[in-house]
Amino acid sequence: MAEKASKLKVAWGISGAGDKIAEILDVMIDLKRQYEDVVEIEVFVSKAAETVLKFYRLEEKLRANFPKVSVEVNSNSPFLAAWLQMRKYEFLLIAPATSNTVAKIAHSISDTMLTNAAIMSLKAFVPIYILPTDYKESTVYTKLPNGKEMKLRVRKEEADLVRKLETMEDVHVFENPQKMREGFLAWVETLRR
């Protein structure tokens, strides 16, 4: 009897951004269902993201769809950085990534679970994928938990840090949840060849 092939594992990190969080969660649920035969997605939630998920009333939806959810205790707990370096996961996806998370990764500051995991992944040649909330300099509208919209400015300084990430080896940046979906689909199709 042939052995069943083990699933490839992906680490999905969620930082404390509310912008696009509901849409990103829907995309990830869809991708999980579409590729559950080949990919297992484990979720790593920052301390701030835990608060944001509760604020947006998305924590239960996340846990109902992803059985493996770990919440940050400190920069090394859970020990995501080591697991990525040991290649337990194919890559790290941080979506959404706050401007704070982006700035820390761009400047090699690893003082949170997700930034530590990102920096240690890159040192071990493990790719990271990032969907920053502040992709380009512009005025954006984000949806609040009550359904109202809030107008925000993405400043040049935040956009410049995203551009810096795009120049880093093994870092892949997505502009929006649809681009993230396309990137994930392309990755899975590459594996199937």
Protein backbone atom coordinates (compact mmCIF):
# COMPACT_ATOMS: atom_id res chain seq x y z
CA MET A 1 0.00 0.00 0.00
CA ALA A 2 1.41 3.39 -1.02
CA GLU A 3 2.15 5.90 1.71
CA LYS A 4 0.05 9.02 1.71
CA ALA A 5 2.20 12.04 0.85
CA SER A 6 2.50 14.48 3.72
CA LYS A 7 1.09 17.95 3.29
CA LEU A 8 3.32 20.96 2.84
CA LYS A 9 3.06 23.39 5.72
CA VAL A 10 2.76 27.14 5.50
CA ALA A 11 3.11 29.54 8.44
CA TRP A 12 0.60 32.40 8.21
CA GLY A 13 1.40 35.31 10.51
CA ILE A 14 -1.21 37.93 11.32
CA SER A 15 -0.03 41.28 12.68
CA GLY A 16 -2.22 43.85 14.41
CA ALA A 17 -3.79 45.56 11.39
CA GLY A 18 -7.51 45.90 10.87
CA ASP A 19 -7.21 47.11 7.29
CA LYS A 20 -8.12 44.27 4.89
CA ILE A 21 -8.17 41.70 7.72
CA ALA A 22 -11.67 40.40 6.91
CA GLU A 23 -10.87 40.09 3.20
CA ILE A 24 -7.53 38.40 3.90
CA LEU A 25 -9.23 35.91 6.23
CA ASP A 26 -11.79 35.08 3.54
CA VAL A 27 -9.03 34.54 0.96
CA MET A 28 -7.09 32.28 3.33
CA ILE A 29 -10.20 30.23 4.15
CA ASP A 30 -10.87 29.82 0.44
CA LEU A 31 -7.24 28.79 -0.26
CA LYS A 32 -7.29 26.32 2.64
CA ARG A 33 -10.42 24.66 1.30
CA GLN A 34 -9.19 24.67 -2.29
CA TYR A 35 -5.82 23.08 -1.46
CA GLU A 36 -6.48 21.15 1.74
CA ASP A 37 -5.24 17.97 0.04
CA VAL A 38 -1.70 19.37 -0.39
CA VAL A 39 -1.21 22.32 2.00
CA GLU A 40 -1.69 22.77 5.73
CA ILE A 41 -1.82 26.36 6.98
CA GLU A 42 -0.84 27.02 10.58
CA VAL A 43 -1.67 30.46 11.98
CA PHE A 44 0.54 32.63 14.21
CA VAL A 45 -1.17 35.66 15.72
CA SER A 46 0.73 38.60 17.20
CA LYS A 47 -0.43 40.01 20.55
CA ALA A 48 -1.81 43.08 18.77
CA ALA A 49 -3.53 40.92 16.14
CA GLU A 50 -5.35 39.00 18.87
CA THR A 51 -6.85 42.30 20.00
CA VAL A 52 -7.71 43.38 16.46
CA LEU A 53 -9.34 40.03 15.61
CA LYS A 54 -11.56 40.37 18.68
CA PHE A 55 -12.36 44.01 17.83
CA TYR A 56 -13.42 43.00 14.31
CA ARG A 57 -15.27 39.95 15.67
CA LEU A 58 -13.16 37.60 13.53
CA GLU A 59 -11.41 35.51 16.18
CA GLU A 60 -14.07 32.78 16.24
CA LYS A 61 -14.17 32.62 12.44
CA LEU A 62 -10.39 32.24 12.32
CA ARG A 63 -10.35 29.47 14.93
CA ALA A 64 -13.32 27.68 13.36
CA ASN A 65 -11.49 27.45 10.02
CA PHE A 66 -7.89 26.93 11.14
CA PRO A 67 -7.37 24.30 13.84
CA LYS A 68 -3.76 25.33 14.56
CA VAL A 69 -3.71 28.91 15.86
CA SER A 70 -0.91 30.08 18.15
CA VAL A 71 -0.76 33.47 19.87
CA GLU A 72 2.49 35.34 20.52
CA VAL A 73 3.86 35.22 24.05
CA ASN A 74 7.18 36.88 23.22
CA SER A 75 9.66 37.06 20.32
CA ASN A 76 10.60 33.37 20.74
CA SER A 77 7.33 31.90 21.89
CA PRO A 78 5.88 30.15 20.06
CA PHE A 79 9.26 29.22 18.55
CA LEU A 80 8.23 30.07 14.99
CA ALA A 81 11.67 31.40 14.02
CA ALA A 82 13.37 28.07 14.77
CA TRP A 83 10.65 26.04 13.08
CA LEU A 84 11.06 28.11 9.92
CA GLN A 85 14.84 27.74 10.04
CA MET A 86 14.44 23.97 10.44
CA ARG A 87 12.16 24.04 7.37
CA LYS A 88 9.03 22.81 9.11
CA TYR A 89 7.29 25.36 6.87
CA GLU A 90 7.75 26.10 3.18
CA PHE A 91 7.52 29.84 3.79
CA LEU A 92 6.20 32.54 6.09
CA LEU A 93 3.26 34.67 4.95
CA ILE A 94 2.55 37.81 6.96
CA ALA A 95 -0.86 39.18 6.02
CA PRO A 96 -1.78 41.77 6.95
CA ALA A 97 1.53 43.34 7.89
CA THR A 98 1.34 46.61 9.81
CA SER A 99 3.63 49.51 8.96
CA ASN A 100 5.41 48.73 12.24
CA THR A 101 6.09 45.12 11.18
CA VAL A 102 7.22 46.25 7.73
CA ALA A 103 9.58 48.86 9.21
CA LYS A 104 11.12 46.34 11.60
CA ILE A 105 11.72 43.74 8.89
CA ALA A 106 13.12 46.39 6.52
CA HIS A 107 15.60 47.40 9.25
CA SER A 108 16.32 43.84 10.53
CA ILE A 109 14.71 44.42 13.93
CA SER A 110 13.48 41.13 15.35
CA ASP A 111 11.80 41.92 18.65
CA THR A 112 8.38 40.34 18.04
CA MET A 113 7.39 36.80 17.12
CA LEU A 114 6.65 37.73 13.49
CA THR A 115 9.63 40.02 12.91
CA ASN A 116 11.97 37.50 14.56
CA ALA A 117 10.52 34.73 12.39
CA ALA A 118 10.92 36.85 9.25
CA ILE A 119 14.54 37.82 9.94
CA MET A 120 15.54 34.28 10.94
CA SER A 121 13.76 32.86 7.86
CA LEU A 122 15.72 35.13 5.57
CA LYS A 123 18.98 34.13 7.24
CA ALA A 124 18.12 30.48 6.52
CA PHE A 125 17.09 31.12 2.88
CA VAL A 126 13.39 30.53 3.65
CA PRO A 127 11.21 32.92 1.64
CA ILE A 128 8.76 35.30 3.22
CA TYR A 129 5.65 36.78 1.64
CA ILE A 130 4.19 40.00 2.98
CA LEU A 131 0.95 41.87 2.36
CA PRO A 132 1.55 45.32 3.87
CA THR A 133 -1.38 47.51 4.81
CA ASP A 134 0.49 50.60 3.57
CA TYR A 135 1.59 49.52 0.11
CA LYS A 136 1.87 52.82 -1.74
CA GLU A 137 1.58 56.51 -0.97
CA SER A 138 -2.09 57.38 -1.25
CA THR A 139 -5.32 58.03 0.57
CA VAL A 140 -7.16 54.83 1.43
CA TYR A 141 -10.46 53.95 3.01
CA THR A 142 -10.66 51.11 5.47
CA LYS A 143 -13.78 49.48 6.83
CA LEU A 144 -14.33 49.59 10.58
CA PRO A 145 -16.07 46.79 12.53
CA ASN A 146 -19.29 48.84 12.58
CA GLY A 147 -19.29 49.02 8.76
CA LYS A 148 -18.29 52.68 8.56
CA GLU A 149 -15.31 53.77 6.51
CA MET A 150 -12.28 55.57 7.85
CA LYS A 151 -10.06 57.72 5.64
CA LEU A 152 -6.31 57.15 6.12
CA ARG A 153 -3.17 58.53 4.57
CA VAL A 154 -0.37 56.18 3.55
CA ARG A 155 2.65 58.41 3.89
CA LYS A 156 5.73 58.38 1.68
CA GLU A 157 7.75 57.06 4.63
CA GLU A 158 5.62 53.89 4.93
CA ALA A 159 5.54 53.34 1.17
CA ASP A 160 9.34 53.74 1.00
CA LEU A 161 9.78 50.93 3.53
CA VAL A 162 7.64 48.64 1.38
CA ARG A 163 9.86 49.51 -1.60
CA LYS A 164 12.86 48.56 0.55
CA LEU A 165 11.28 45.18 1.32
CA GLU A 166 10.79 44.58 -2.40
CA THR A 167 14.56 44.85 -2.94
CA MET A 168 15.40 42.26 -0.26
CA GLU A 169 16.38 38.75 -1.31
CA ASP A 170 13.67 36.10 -0.71
CA VAL A 171 11.06 38.73 0.20
CA HIS A 172 7.91 38.83 -1.92
CA VAL A 173 5.42 41.67 -1.44
CA PHE A 174 1.74 41.56 -2.37
CA GLU A 175 -0.17 44.74 -3.11
CA ASN A 176 -3.58 43.41 -2.06
CA PRO A 177 -5.45 40.22 -1.09
CA GLN A 178 -6.16 39.34 -4.74
CA LYS A 179 -2.43 39.46 -5.56
CA MET A 180 -1.81 37.31 -2.48
CA ARG A 181 -4.32 34.75 -3.78
CA GLU A 182 -2.66 34.73 -7.20
CA GLY A 183 0.77 34.27 -5.64
CA PHE A 184 -0.42 31.38 -3.48
CA LEU A 185 -2.12 29.71 -6.45
CA ALA A 186 1.05 30.05 -8.54
CA TRP A 187 3.11 28.51 -5.73
CA VAL A 188 0.76 25.50 -5.41
CA GLU A 189 0.68 24.97 -9.18
CA THR A 190 4.49 25.01 -9.26
CA LEU A 191 4.49 22.22 -6.65
CA ARG A 192 2.10 20.13 -8.72
CA ARG A 193 4.37 20.14 -11.78
